[in-house]
PDB file of N, CA and C in Angstrom:
ATOM      1  N   MET A   1     -15.078  28.434  14.013  1.00  0.00           N
ATOM      2  CA  MET A   1     -14.336  27.200  14.214  1.00  0.00           C
ATOM      3  C   MET A   1     -14.442  26.376  12.927  1.00  0.00           C
ATOM      4  N   SER A   2     -13.350  25.880  12.459  1.00  0.00           N
ATOM      5  CA  SER A   2     -13.373  25.067  11.244  1.00  0.00           C
ATOM      6  C   SER A   2     -13.759  23.624  11.567  1.00  0.00           C
ATOM      7  N   THR A   3     -14.304  22.955  10.579  1.00  0.00           N
ATOM      8  CA  THR A   3     -14.715  21.568  10.779  1.00  0.00           C
ATOM      9  C   THR A   3     -13.765  20.636  10.033  1.00  0.00           C
ATOM     10  N   ILE A   4     -13.680  19.429  10.511  1.00  0.00           N
ATOM     11  CA  ILE A   4     -12.829  18.406   9.896  1.00  0.00           C
ATOM     12  C   ILE A   4     -13.716  17.510   9.051  1.00  0.00           C
ATOM     13  N   PRO A   5     -13.391  17.366   7.758  1.00  0.00           N
ATOM     14  CA  PRO A   5     -14.223  16.485   6.932  1.00  0.00           C
ATOM     15  C   PRO A   5     -14.038  15.022   7.338  1.00  0.00           C
ATOM     16  N   LEU A   6     -15.129  14.315   7.470  1.00  0.00           N
ATOM     17  CA  LEU A   6     -15.086  12.911   7.840  1.00  0.00           C
ATOM     18  C   LEU A   6     -15.199  12.053   6.586  1.00  0.00           C
ATOM     19  N   PRO A   7     -14.505  10.916   6.538  1.00  0.00           N
ATOM     20  CA  PRO A   7     -14.608  10.041   5.366  1.00  0.00           C
ATOM     21  C   PRO A   7     -16.002   9.433   5.253  1.00  0.00           C
ATOM     22  N   ASP A   8     -16.407   9.164   4.045  1.00  0.00           N
ATOM     23  CA  ASP A   8     -17.713   8.567   3.787  1.00  0.00           C
ATOM     24  C   ASP A   8     -17.647   7.088   4.164  1.00  0.00           C
ATOM     25  N   PRO A   9     -18.428   6.628   5.167  1.00  0.00           N
ATOM     26  CA  PRO A   9     -18.357   5.217   5.584  1.00  0.00           C
ATOM     27  C   PRO A   9     -18.812   4.250   4.491  1.00  0.00           C
ATOM     28  N   VAL A  10     -19.596   4.719   3.541  1.00  0.00           N
ATOM     29  CA  VAL A  10     -20.077   3.867   2.458  1.00  0.00           C
ATOM     30  C   VAL A  10     -18.949   3.574   1.465  1.00  0.00           C
ATOM     31  N   ALA A  11     -17.977   4.466   1.386  1.00  0.00           N
ATOM     32  CA  ALA A  11     -16.876   4.316   0.435  1.00  0.00           C
ATOM     33  C   ALA A  11     -15.926   3.187   0.821  1.00  0.00           C
ATOM     34  N   GLY A  12     -15.963   2.717   2.051  1.00  0.00           N
ATOM     35  CA  GLY A  12     -15.087   1.641   2.503  1.00  0.00           C
ATOM     36  C   GLY A  12     -13.836   2.192   3.158  1.00  0.00           C
ATOM     37  N   PRO A  13     -12.945   1.293   3.560  1.00  0.00           N
ATOM     38  CA  PRO A  13     -11.739   1.722   4.274  1.00  0.00           C
ATOM     39  C   PRO A  13     -10.805   2.522   3.366  1.00  0.00           C
ATOM     40  N   THR A  14     -10.118   3.484   3.969  1.00  0.00           N
ATOM     41  CA  THR A  14      -9.162   4.293   3.219  1.00  0.00           C
ATOM     42  C   THR A  14      -7.736   3.800   3.403  1.00  0.00           C
ATOM     43  N   GLU A  15      -7.514   2.920   4.365  1.00  0.00           N
ATOM     44  CA  GLU A  15      -6.192   2.355   4.627  1.00  0.00           C
ATOM     45  C   GLU A  15      -6.249   0.845   4.413  1.00  0.00           C
ATOM     46  N   PRO A  16      -5.131   0.239   3.968  1.00  0.00           N
ATOM     47  CA  PRO A  16      -5.129  -1.222   3.810  1.00  0.00           C
ATOM     48  C   PRO A  16      -5.203  -1.917   5.173  1.00  0.00           C
ATOM     49  N   ASP A  17      -5.682  -3.137   5.172  1.00  0.00           N
ATOM     50  CA  ASP A  17      -5.778  -3.936   6.385  1.00  0.00           C
ATOM     51  C   ASP A  17      -4.371  -4.256   6.880  1.00  0.00           C
ATOM     52  N   GLU A  18      -4.066  -3.900   8.111  1.00  0.00           N
ATOM     53  CA  GLU A  18      -2.716  -4.073   8.664  1.00  0.00           C
ATOM     54  C   GLU A  18      -2.288  -5.543   8.655  1.00  0.00           C
ATOM     55  N   GLU A  19      -3.184  -6.440   9.022  1.00  0.00           N
ATOM     56  CA  GLU A  19      -2.826  -7.860   9.054  1.00  0.00           C
ATOM     57  C   GLU A  19      -2.487  -8.361   7.644  1.00  0.00           C
ATOM     58  N   GLN A  20      -3.217  -7.913   6.635  1.00  0.00           N
ATOM     59  CA  GLN A  20      -2.933  -8.342   5.267  1.00  0.00           C
ATOM     60  C   GLN A  20      -1.580  -7.805   4.793  1.00  0.00           C
ATOM     61  N   VAL A  21      -1.257  -6.587   5.174  1.00  0.00           N
ATOM     62  CA  VAL A  21       0.048  -6.012   4.819  1.00  0.00           C
ATOM     63  C   VAL A  21       1.166  -6.833   5.453  1.00  0.00           C
ATOM     64  N   LEU A  22       1.009  -7.207   6.731  1.00  0.00           N
ATOM     65  CA  LEU A  22       2.024  -8.023   7.408  1.00  0.00           C
ATOM     66  C   LEU A  22       2.162  -9.394   6.755  1.00  0.00           C
ATOM     67  N   ARG A  23       1.045 -10.009   6.364  1.00  0.00           N
ATOM     68  CA  ARG A  23       1.100 -11.308   5.684  1.00  0.00           C
ATOM     69  C   ARG A  23       1.826 -11.192   4.344  1.00  0.00           C
ATOM     70  N   ASP A  24       1.569 -10.113   3.613  1.00  0.00           N
ATOM     71  CA  ASP A  24       2.238  -9.900   2.326  1.00  0.00           C
ATOM     72  C   ASP A  24       3.745  -9.732   2.507  1.00  0.00           C
ATOM     73  N   LEU A  25       4.145  -9.054   3.578  1.00  0.00           N
ATOM     74  CA  LEU A  25       5.571  -8.799   3.820  1.00  0.00           C
ATOM     75  C   LEU A  25       6.303 -10.006   4.403  1.00  0.00           C
ATOM     76  N   TYR A  26       5.669 -10.674   5.399  1.00  0.00           N
ATOM     77  CA  TYR A  26       6.378 -11.675   6.184  1.00  0.00           C
ATOM     78  C   TYR A  26       5.827 -13.087   6.093  1.00  0.00           C
ATOM     79  N   GLY A  27       4.729 -13.290   5.393  1.00  0.00           N
ATOM     80  CA  GLY A  27       4.127 -14.621   5.331  1.00  0.00           C
ATOM     81  C   GLY A  27       3.221 -14.848   6.519  1.00  0.00           C
ATOM     82  N   GLU A  28       2.892 -16.096   6.756  1.00  0.00           N
ATOM     83  CA  GLU A  28       1.969 -16.450   7.833  1.00  0.00           C
ATOM     84  C   GLU A  28       2.636 -16.271   9.199  1.00  0.00           C
ATOM     85  N   PRO A  29       1.863 -15.908  10.228  1.00  0.00           N
ATOM     86  CA  PRO A  29       2.425 -15.771  11.573  1.00  0.00           C
ATOM     87  C   PRO A  29       2.789 -17.128  12.161  1.00  0.00           C
ATOM     88  N   ASP A  30       3.703 -17.104  13.149  1.00  0.00           N
ATOM     89  CA  ASP A  30       4.085 -18.355  13.803  1.00  0.00           C
ATOM     90  C   ASP A  30       2.989 -18.785  14.780  1.00  0.00           C
ATOM     91  N   SER A  31       3.247 -19.844  15.539  1.00  0.00           N
ATOM     92  CA  SER A  31       2.236 -20.381  16.455  1.00  0.00           C
ATOM     93  C   SER A  31       1.844 -19.387  17.545  1.00  0.00           C
ATOM     94  N   GLY A  32       2.710 -18.431  17.837  1.00  0.00           N
ATOM     95  CA  GLY A  32       2.404 -17.405  18.831  1.00  0.00           C
ATOM     96  C   GLY A  32       1.695 -16.199  18.247  1.00  0.00           C
ATOM     97  N   GLY A  33       1.489 -16.207  16.917  1.00  0.00           N
ATOM     98  CA  GLY A  33       0.803 -15.099  16.276  1.00  0.00           C
ATOM     99  C   GLY A  33       1.710 -13.963  15.841  1.00  0.00           C
ATOM    100  N   PHE A  34       3.040 -14.208  15.874  1.00  0.00           N
ATOM    101  CA  PHE A  34       3.994 -13.167  15.490  1.00  0.00           C
ATOM    102  C   PHE A  34       4.420 -13.344  14.038  1.00  0.00           C
ATOM    103  N   PHE A  35       4.533 -12.244  13.318  1.00  0.00           N
ATOM    104  CA  PHE A  35       5.028 -12.262  11.945  1.00  0.00           C
ATOM    105  C   PHE A  35       6.538 -12.074  12.005  1.00  0.00           C
ATOM    106  N   ARG A  36       7.291 -13.116  11.662  1.00  0.00           N
ATOM    107  CA  ARG A  36       8.737 -13.064  11.822  1.00  0.00           C
ATOM    108  C   ARG A  36       9.503 -12.979  10.512  1.00  0.00           C
ATOM    109  N   GLY A  37       8.950 -13.458   9.417  1.00  0.00           N
ATOM    110  CA  GLY A  37       9.679 -13.451   8.156  1.00  0.00           C
ATOM    111  C   GLY A  37      10.756 -14.508   8.138  1.00  0.00           C
ATOM    112  N   GLU A  38      11.613 -14.438   7.146  1.00  0.00           N
ATOM    113  CA  GLU A  38      12.699 -15.410   7.005  1.00  0.00           C
ATOM    114  C   GLU A  38      13.912 -14.948   7.797  1.00  0.00           C
ATOM    115  N   GLU A  39      14.662 -15.926   8.326  1.00  0.00           N
ATOM    116  CA  GLU A  39      15.884 -15.585   9.047  1.00  0.00           C
ATOM    117  C   GLU A  39      16.945 -15.122   8.062  1.00  0.00           C
ATOM    118  N   VAL A  40      17.711 -14.118   8.460  1.00  0.00           N
ATOM    119  CA  VAL A  40      18.797 -13.591   7.641  1.00  0.00           C
ATOM    120  C   VAL A  40      20.101 -13.908   8.355  1.00  0.00           C
ATOM    121  N   SER A  41      21.040 -14.520   7.628  1.00  0.00           N
ATOM    122  CA  SER A  41      22.309 -14.839   8.280  1.00  0.00           C
ATOM    123  C   SER A  41      23.382 -13.860   7.915  1.00  0.00           C
TER     124      SER A  41
END
């Protein structure tokens, strides 16, 4: 049976923080906590 290599926990996260990515794309969330971005007409 083959084994799956596990990431080294000391190395830190391998993926960016999802909330930070959403903030970068859409700005701050609204009062309900939703990331909406700018309205497009």
